[in-house]
Amino acid sequence: MGKVLAVNISKEKGVPKEAIEKGYFEVDHGLVGDAHAGKWHRQVSLLGQESIDKIMAVGVEGFCTGKFAENLTTEGIELYTLPIGTRMRVGEVEMEVTQIGKECHHGCAIRNLVGDCVMPREGIFTKVITSGYIKPGDEITII
């Protein structure tokens, strides 16, 4: 079992996300108000604190939740080891893993700063199956 450390949102693409108190995650959409939400397979992005720690371990400082543009920063689960199709309950929300990693876009600010970005390898994407709220501290349970 894992837990949510932060819920992060941005109004536009290509910028780090800001932490919010709680977010409403809608079926076939994702986090309401987030630039990356929509009717597609990458409605919600998740990245584990364990993955962020790997980047910090090489001496890069100043990374906090949302800097890798993840909607949910988590801890306690190696997210990238979950098979596609895995369902999980996060707070009130049920979601399904649809993609592991992604292609890093040209000019990624994090890759330019650090020389590496962990999101393309260890970030995951989900679609929302059941709507509801998620807030920091909520448990993550694999169904």
Protein backbone atom coordinates (compact mmCIF):
# COMPACT_ATOMS: atom_id res chain seq x y z
CA MET A 1 0.00 0.00 0.00
CA GLY A 2 1.18 3.50 -0.76
CA LYS A 3 0.04 7.03 -0.11
CA VAL A 4 -0.38 10.36 -1.85
CA LEU A 5 2.19 12.99 -0.91
CA ALA A 6 0.83 15.75 -3.15
CA VAL A 7 -1.86 16.61 -5.70
CA ASN A 8 -0.43 18.91 -8.39
CA ILE A 9 -2.06 20.99 -11.13
CA SER A 10 -1.11 23.41 -13.90
CA LYS A 11 -3.33 25.55 -16.09
CA GLU A 12 -0.95 25.21 -19.06
CA LYS A 13 1.33 22.55 -20.51
CA GLY A 14 5.11 22.72 -20.34
CA VAL A 15 5.36 24.17 -16.83
CA PRO A 16 5.85 22.57 -13.40
CA LYS A 17 2.65 21.89 -11.50
CA GLU A 18 1.68 23.53 -8.20
CA ALA A 19 0.45 21.57 -5.16
CA ILE A 20 -3.21 21.98 -4.19
CA GLU A 21 -5.17 20.92 -1.07
CA LYS A 22 -7.30 18.40 -2.97
CA GLY A 23 -8.34 17.71 -6.52
CA TYR A 24 -11.47 16.40 -8.18
CA PHE A 25 -10.76 13.60 -10.65
CA GLU A 26 -13.53 13.06 -13.20
CA VAL A 27 -14.31 9.93 -15.25
CA ASP A 28 -13.04 10.19 -18.86
CA HIS A 29 -11.29 13.47 -18.03
CA GLY A 30 -8.74 13.41 -15.17
CA LEU A 31 -7.93 16.22 -12.74
CA VAL A 32 -10.46 19.01 -13.29
CA GLY A 33 -8.64 22.23 -14.17
CA ASP A 34 -5.38 20.57 -15.25
CA ALA A 35 -3.95 21.34 -18.69
CA HIS A 36 -3.20 17.66 -19.39
CA ALA A 37 -6.71 16.38 -18.56
CA GLY A 38 -9.02 15.25 -21.32
CA LYS A 39 -10.64 12.29 -22.99
CA TRP A 40 -7.51 10.25 -23.71
CA HIS A 41 -5.43 7.49 -22.12
CA ARG A 42 -3.07 9.80 -20.16
CA GLN A 43 -5.62 11.58 -17.96
CA VAL A 44 -3.57 11.43 -14.72
CA SER A 45 0.21 11.25 -14.27
CA LEU A 46 1.82 9.70 -11.19
CA LEU A 47 5.43 9.72 -10.02
CA GLY A 48 6.86 8.19 -6.87
CA GLN A 49 8.97 10.16 -4.41
CA GLU A 50 11.38 7.23 -4.67
CA SER A 51 11.95 8.16 -8.33
CA ILE A 52 12.44 11.85 -7.49
CA ASP A 53 14.97 10.82 -4.83
CA LYS A 54 17.05 9.09 -7.54
CA ILE A 55 17.52 12.42 -9.34
CA MET A 56 18.29 14.20 -6.08
CA ALA A 57 20.86 11.49 -5.23
CA VAL A 58 23.05 12.64 -8.12
CA GLY A 59 23.38 16.02 -6.42
CA VAL A 60 20.55 18.02 -7.98
CA GLU A 61 18.70 20.10 -5.42
CA GLY A 62 15.45 22.02 -5.41
CA PHE A 63 13.08 19.37 -6.71
CA CYS A 64 9.79 19.18 -4.91
CA THR A 65 6.39 17.75 -5.75
CA GLY A 66 5.03 18.74 -9.15
CA LYS A 67 8.37 19.72 -10.69
CA PHE A 68 8.27 16.70 -13.00
CA ALA A 69 4.73 17.77 -14.03
CA GLU A 70 3.10 14.83 -12.21
CA ASN A 71 -0.50 15.16 -11.00
CA LEU A 72 0.08 12.80 -8.06
CA THR A 73 3.31 12.46 -6.14
CA THR A 74 3.24 9.17 -4.26
CA GLU A 75 5.32 7.02 -1.96
CA GLY A 76 5.40 3.36 -1.01
CA ILE A 77 4.73 1.76 -4.41
CA GLU A 78 7.18 1.25 -7.30
CA LEU A 79 4.65 2.62 -9.76
CA TYR A 80 6.62 1.74 -12.90
CA THR A 81 6.49 -1.99 -12.00
CA LEU A 82 2.67 -2.07 -12.18
CA PRO A 83 1.39 -3.79 -15.32
CA ILE A 84 -0.81 -1.87 -17.74
CA GLY A 85 -4.42 -2.60 -16.81
CA THR A 86 -3.71 -2.56 -13.05
CA ARG A 87 -6.55 -0.91 -11.14
CA MET A 88 -5.97 1.07 -7.97
CA ARG A 89 -8.01 3.04 -5.51
CA VAL A 90 -6.55 6.44 -4.64
CA GLY A 91 -8.65 8.25 -2.07
CA GLU A 92 -12.20 8.18 -3.46
CA VAL A 93 -11.01 7.54 -7.03
CA GLU A 94 -10.56 4.29 -8.91
CA MET A 95 -8.11 4.47 -11.82
CA GLU A 96 -6.48 2.11 -14.28
CA VAL A 97 -2.84 2.14 -15.43
CA THR A 98 -2.73 2.85 -19.18
CA GLN A 99 0.93 3.67 -19.85
CA ILE A 100 4.34 3.30 -18.21
CA GLY A 101 6.77 6.11 -19.00
CA LYS A 102 6.62 8.39 -22.01
CA GLU A 103 8.78 9.92 -24.66
CA CYS A 104 10.49 13.02 -23.28
CA HIS A 105 9.56 16.03 -25.39
CA HIS A 106 12.26 18.14 -27.06
CA GLY A 107 13.49 20.96 -24.83
CA CYS A 108 12.37 19.37 -21.54
CA ALA A 109 13.34 21.90 -18.86
CA ILE A 110 14.21 19.20 -16.34
CA ARG A 111 16.39 17.23 -18.77
CA ASN A 112 18.15 20.47 -19.74
CA LEU A 113 18.82 21.34 -16.10
CA VAL A 114 19.79 17.90 -14.81
CA GLY A 115 20.86 16.02 -17.90
CA ASP A 116 18.25 13.38 -17.09
CA CYS A 117 14.55 13.14 -16.33
CA VAL A 118 13.01 10.21 -14.49
CA MET A 119 9.41 10.76 -15.65
CA PRO A 120 9.90 9.07 -19.07
CA ARG A 121 11.15 5.88 -17.36
CA GLU A 122 9.32 5.71 -14.04
CA GLY A 123 6.24 7.90 -14.30
CA ILE A 124 2.93 6.23 -15.05
CA PHE A 125 -0.35 7.35 -16.56
CA THR A 126 -3.88 6.32 -15.70
CA LYS A 127 -7.46 6.90 -16.74
CA VAL A 128 -10.17 7.65 -14.19
CA ILE A 129 -12.73 4.85 -13.71
CA THR A 130 -14.67 6.31 -10.74
CA SER A 131 -14.83 10.06 -10.02
CA GLY A 132 -13.96 11.60 -6.66
CA TYR A 133 -11.53 13.65 -4.63
CA ILE A 134 -7.88 12.92 -3.87
CA LYS A 135 -5.85 14.77 -1.24
CA PRO A 136 -2.40 14.39 0.33
CA GLY A 137 -2.33 11.55 2.85
CA ASP A 138 -4.88 9.43 0.96
CA GLU A 139 -4.01 5.74 0.72
CA ILE A 140 -3.27 3.98 -2.56
CA THR A 141 -4.51 0.40 -2.75
CA ILE A 142 -3.93 -1.96 -5.66
CA ILE A 143 -7.26 -3.64 -6.49
